[in-house]
Amino acid sequence: MKSFSALIAVAGLAVQASAHYVWPQLISGGTTTDEWDYVRETNNFQSLGPMTDVTSTDVRCYDSTESGTASTLSVAAGSTIGFTVSGNPANLYHPGVVNVYMAQAPSGTDVADWDGSGDAWFKIYQISAVTDGGSTITFPATGMSSVTFPIPSELPSGQYLVRIEHIALHVAQSYGGAQFYIACGQVEVTDGGSGTPGPLVAFPGAYTGYEPGILIDIYYPIPANYTQPGPAVWPAS
């Protein structure tokens, strides 16, 4: 069975060059924006390749080599927004999980000029794995061509980064094997509430790469359970 696991991993490596993707568009009000209008252009906008170093500042928005030209989209608290997937193929091809984080720009700072540093990020949405005690593990995000989620109605008004990540786990058996497909959109939240988002984390810092949901063999032995990386979703309800 271990040899079978190794074969699966080799197969995953063989297809990964043709199964990469990016998140170039925001979805709001049922409308899909143009590519990179409100999403910061990522380093992989041409190569489509993932980032794998969770200790790098690129784990924030994966945009260190690109100029900041994105605009900021107005969205209402309580509304639904999302990101589209573009690539070869144009879906979340690899088995893995999704996390969506937000971070409010510091007072007096335009979100377009902010790098997302510090303990500012909180999770608002996730799509985890489904397990049944060791017989099977499935990944509901696999094959999605877009991911939509609600902006919490409790979220205070202001300018925010919205960070989406798909953590692909097909070759995550060794440290650094998990593949992160990341993008950050820029939004101005209106009609907000009075909630206090948290817990807050920093990127880098939120992940070490050794978390059981990041360093994991999903093939053998099949995991009996799965622990989603990162903090709990806010708000808990």
Protein backbone atom coordinates (compact mmCIF):
# COMPACT_ATOMS: atom_id res chain seq x y z
CA MET A 1 0.00 0.00 0.00
CA LYS A 2 2.88 2.39 0.62
CA SER A 3 4.08 1.82 -2.93
CA PHE A 4 0.58 2.68 -4.14
CA SER A 5 0.79 5.95 -2.23
CA ALA A 6 4.12 6.69 -3.86
CA LEU A 7 2.68 5.99 -7.31
CA ILE A 8 -0.19 8.37 -6.64
CA ALA A 9 2.27 11.07 -5.59
CA VAL A 10 4.33 10.57 -8.76
CA ALA A 11 1.17 10.82 -10.83
CA GLY A 12 0.30 14.05 -9.06
CA LEU A 13 3.71 15.50 -9.91
CA ALA A 14 3.29 14.48 -13.53
CA VAL A 15 0.08 16.46 -14.00
CA GLN A 16 0.77 19.45 -11.79
CA ALA A 17 2.45 21.51 -14.54
CA SER A 18 -0.76 21.41 -16.55
CA ALA A 19 -3.16 21.81 -13.63
CA HIS A 20 -2.36 25.22 -12.18
CA TYR A 21 -4.69 28.16 -11.69
CA VAL A 22 -5.18 31.72 -10.47
CA TRP A 23 -8.04 33.80 -9.00
CA PRO A 24 -8.23 36.86 -11.31
CA GLN A 25 -11.80 38.13 -10.91
CA LEU A 26 -14.16 39.21 -8.17
CA ILE A 27 -17.87 38.35 -8.28
CA SER A 28 -20.28 40.85 -6.74
CA GLY A 29 -23.99 41.40 -7.19
CA GLY A 30 -24.13 38.56 -9.67
CA THR A 31 -21.59 40.30 -11.92
CA THR A 32 -18.08 39.07 -12.67
CA THR A 33 -15.51 41.87 -12.92
CA ASP A 34 -12.71 42.00 -15.48
CA GLU A 35 -9.51 40.15 -14.69
CA TRP A 36 -7.21 41.90 -12.21
CA ASP A 37 -9.45 44.97 -11.95
CA TYR A 38 -10.16 44.48 -8.23
CA VAL A 39 -7.78 41.57 -7.55
CA ARG A 40 -4.09 42.25 -7.10
CA GLU A 41 -2.20 40.71 -9.99
CA THR A 42 -0.28 37.72 -8.62
CA ASN A 43 3.26 36.61 -9.39
CA ASN A 44 1.85 33.59 -11.20
CA PHE A 45 -0.60 35.43 -13.46
CA GLN A 46 1.24 33.96 -16.47
CA SER A 47 2.86 30.79 -15.10
CA LEU A 48 -0.18 29.84 -12.98
CA GLY A 49 2.19 28.03 -10.61
CA PRO A 50 1.64 27.79 -6.86
CA MET A 51 3.66 29.15 -3.98
CA THR A 52 4.85 26.65 -1.37
CA ASP A 53 6.83 28.65 1.22
CA VAL A 54 4.52 29.62 4.09
CA THR A 55 7.35 31.61 5.72
CA SER A 56 7.53 34.02 2.77
CA THR A 57 5.69 37.36 2.70
CA ASP A 58 4.17 36.09 -0.55
CA VAL A 59 1.88 33.90 1.56
CA ARG A 60 -0.14 37.10 2.06
CA CYS A 61 -1.16 38.01 -1.49
CA TYR A 62 1.51 36.40 -3.71
CA ASP A 63 2.12 39.73 -5.42
CA SER A 64 5.72 40.70 -4.58
CA THR A 65 6.89 40.96 -8.20
CA GLU A 66 3.83 42.77 -9.57
CA SER A 67 2.90 46.45 -9.46
CA GLY A 68 -0.12 47.39 -7.37
CA THR A 69 -2.73 48.54 -9.87
CA ALA A 70 -5.98 47.03 -8.57
CA SER A 71 -8.99 49.21 -7.86
CA THR A 72 -11.21 48.89 -4.79
CA LEU A 73 -14.74 47.52 -5.15
CA SER A 74 -17.61 48.73 -2.98
CA VAL A 75 -19.56 45.86 -1.38
CA ALA A 76 -22.20 45.89 1.33
CA ALA A 77 -21.82 43.99 4.59
CA GLY A 78 -24.06 40.94 4.41
CA SER A 79 -23.75 40.65 0.63
CA THR A 80 -22.22 37.71 -1.25
CA ILE A 81 -19.00 38.06 -3.21
CA GLY A 82 -16.53 35.59 -4.66
CA PHE A 83 -13.56 34.80 -6.87
CA THR A 84 -13.38 33.00 -10.21
CA VAL A 85 -10.78 30.38 -11.11
CA SER A 86 -8.76 30.67 -14.31
CA GLY A 87 -6.17 28.17 -15.50
CA ASN A 88 -5.54 24.88 -17.20
CA PRO A 89 -8.17 23.63 -16.47
CA ALA A 90 -10.18 26.58 -15.17
CA ASN A 91 -11.19 24.93 -11.92
CA LEU A 92 -9.75 23.76 -8.61
CA TYR A 93 -8.32 20.65 -10.21
CA HIS A 94 -6.28 19.34 -7.29
CA PRO A 95 -7.77 17.87 -4.10
CA GLY A 96 -7.54 20.44 -1.36
CA VAL A 97 -9.27 22.93 0.90
CA VAL A 98 -10.25 26.60 0.69
CA ASN A 99 -9.86 29.40 3.22
CA VAL A 100 -11.04 33.01 2.86
CA TYR A 101 -9.57 35.71 5.09
CA MET A 102 -10.10 39.46 5.41
CA ALA A 103 -7.93 42.20 6.90
CA GLN A 104 -8.85 45.85 7.49
CA ALA A 105 -6.42 48.49 6.30
CA PRO A 106 -5.06 50.65 9.14
CA SER A 107 -6.89 53.91 9.81
CA GLY A 108 -5.80 56.59 7.35
CA THR A 109 -4.28 54.07 4.93
CA ASP A 110 -5.74 53.35 1.50
CA VAL A 111 -6.07 49.58 1.16
CA ALA A 112 -4.44 49.84 -2.29
CA ASP A 113 -1.26 51.05 -0.57
CA TRP A 114 -1.26 48.48 2.24
CA ASP A 115 0.83 45.31 2.25
CA GLY A 116 -1.33 43.33 4.68
CA SER A 117 1.36 43.05 7.37
CA GLY A 118 0.72 42.41 11.05
CA ASP A 119 -1.88 40.54 13.07
CA ALA A 120 -4.79 41.75 10.97
CA TRP A 121 -6.25 38.69 9.22
CA PHE A 122 -9.38 36.83 10.27
CA LYS A 123 -11.11 33.93 8.55
CA ILE A 124 -14.66 34.39 7.25
CA TYR A 125 -15.20 31.22 5.20
CA GLN A 126 -13.77 27.78 4.53
CA ILE A 127 -14.39 24.62 2.56
CA SER A 128 -12.82 21.71 4.39
CA ALA A 129 -12.38 18.00 3.68
CA VAL A 130 -14.98 15.34 4.49
CA THR A 131 -13.83 12.19 6.31
CA ASP A 132 -15.55 9.12 7.71
CA GLY A 133 -13.08 7.70 10.18
CA GLY A 134 -10.48 6.37 7.76
CA SER A 135 -12.42 4.77 4.91
CA THR A 136 -12.52 7.78 2.58
CA ILE A 137 -11.52 11.41 2.37
CA THR A 138 -13.15 13.77 -0.11
CA PHE A 139 -12.64 17.42 -0.99
CA PRO A 140 -15.85 19.29 -1.89
CA ALA A 141 -13.91 22.21 -3.39
CA THR A 142 -12.42 20.01 -6.12
CA GLY A 143 -13.63 21.03 -9.57
CA MET A 144 -15.13 24.37 -8.52
CA SER A 145 -14.75 27.13 -11.12
CA SER A 146 -15.61 29.85 -8.62
CA VAL A 147 -16.02 30.25 -4.86
CA THR A 148 -18.61 32.59 -3.37
CA PHE A 149 -19.12 33.53 0.27
CA PRO A 150 -20.94 36.12 2.42
CA ILE A 151 -19.37 39.26 3.81
CA PRO A 152 -20.38 39.06 7.50
CA SER A 153 -23.16 41.52 8.29
CA GLU A 154 -21.40 42.21 11.61
CA LEU A 155 -18.26 43.44 9.84
CA PRO A 156 -17.53 47.15 10.46
CA SER A 157 -17.46 49.45 7.44
CA GLY A 158 -14.03 50.19 5.99
CA GLN A 159 -11.44 49.14 3.45
CA TYR A 160 -10.31 45.52 3.47
CA LEU A 161 -8.18 43.00 1.68
CA VAL A 162 -10.02 39.76 0.92
CA ARG A 163 -7.59 36.86 0.65
CA ILE A 164 -8.56 33.51 -0.85
CA GLU A 165 -6.37 30.41 -0.83
CA HIS A 166 -6.74 26.92 -2.19
CA ILE A 167 -4.34 24.55 -0.45
CA ALA A 168 -3.75 21.67 -2.86
CA LEU A 169 -2.76 18.49 -1.01
CA HIS A 170 -2.01 15.97 -3.77
CA VAL A 171 1.75 16.01 -3.02
CA ALA A 172 1.66 17.23 0.59
CA GLN A 173 3.31 14.13 2.09
CA SER A 174 6.56 16.04 2.71
CA TYR A 175 7.25 19.51 4.09
CA GLY A 176 6.78 22.14 1.41
CA GLY A 177 4.72 19.84 -0.75
CA ALA A 178 1.38 21.56 -0.18
CA GLN A 179 0.61 24.02 -2.97
CA PHE A 180 -0.95 27.40 -2.18
CA TYR A 181 -3.00 29.18 -4.84
CA ILE A 182 -3.56 32.67 -3.42
CA ALA A 183 -5.05 36.03 -4.40
CA CYS A 184 -6.18 39.22 -2.66
CA GLY A 185 -9.07 41.44 -3.70
CA GLN A 186 -9.58 45.01 -2.52
CA VAL A 187 -13.01 46.02 -1.19
CA GLU A 188 -14.69 48.92 0.57
CA VAL A 189 -17.31 47.49 2.94
CA THR A 190 -20.37 49.69 3.38
CA ASP A 191 -23.41 49.48 5.69
CA GLY A 192 -21.31 47.58 8.20
CA GLY A 193 -22.03 46.35 11.68
CA SER A 194 -20.30 46.67 15.04
CA GLY A 195 -18.66 43.26 15.39
CA THR A 196 -15.09 42.61 16.46
CA PRO A 197 -13.45 40.16 14.04
CA GLY A 198 -11.07 37.55 15.37
CA PRO A 199 -8.99 35.70 16.22
CA LEU A 200 -6.45 37.73 14.26
CA VAL A 201 -3.39 36.18 12.63
CA ALA A 202 -0.48 37.37 10.50
CA PHE A 203 0.84 36.17 7.15
CA PRO A 204 3.47 34.87 7.38
CA GLY A 205 2.95 33.44 10.84
CA ALA A 206 -0.48 31.84 10.64
CA TYR A 207 1.02 28.61 9.28
CA THR A 208 4.26 26.79 10.01
CA GLY A 209 3.82 24.22 7.26
CA TYR A 210 3.75 21.40 9.82
CA GLU A 211 0.03 21.65 10.57
CA PRO A 212 -1.75 18.29 10.18
CA GLY A 213 -3.97 19.84 7.50
CA ILE A 214 -0.95 21.02 5.47
CA LEU A 215 1.67 18.29 5.98
CA ILE A 216 -0.48 15.27 5.20
CA ASP A 217 -0.65 12.10 3.10
CA ILE A 218 -4.20 11.99 1.82
CA TYR A 219 -3.69 8.59 0.14
CA TYR A 220 -2.31 6.10 2.67
CA PRO A 221 -3.21 5.62 5.36
CA ILE A 222 -6.42 7.51 4.58
CA PRO A 223 -6.78 10.16 7.30
CA ALA A 224 -9.44 9.34 9.88
CA ASN A 225 -10.15 13.07 10.26
CA TYR A 226 -8.97 16.36 8.85
CA THR A 227 -8.00 19.55 10.70
CA GLN A 228 -8.56 22.72 8.68
CA PRO A 229 -5.52 25.02 8.80
CA GLY A 230 -5.88 28.44 10.37
CA PRO A 231 -8.13 29.98 13.01
CA ALA A 232 -11.85 29.40 13.42
CA VAL A 233 -14.27 31.15 11.08
CA TRP A 234 -15.61 34.51 12.30
CA PRO A 235 -18.36 34.98 13.28
CA ALA A 236 -18.91 31.57 14.84
CA SER A 237 -22.59 31.57 13.88
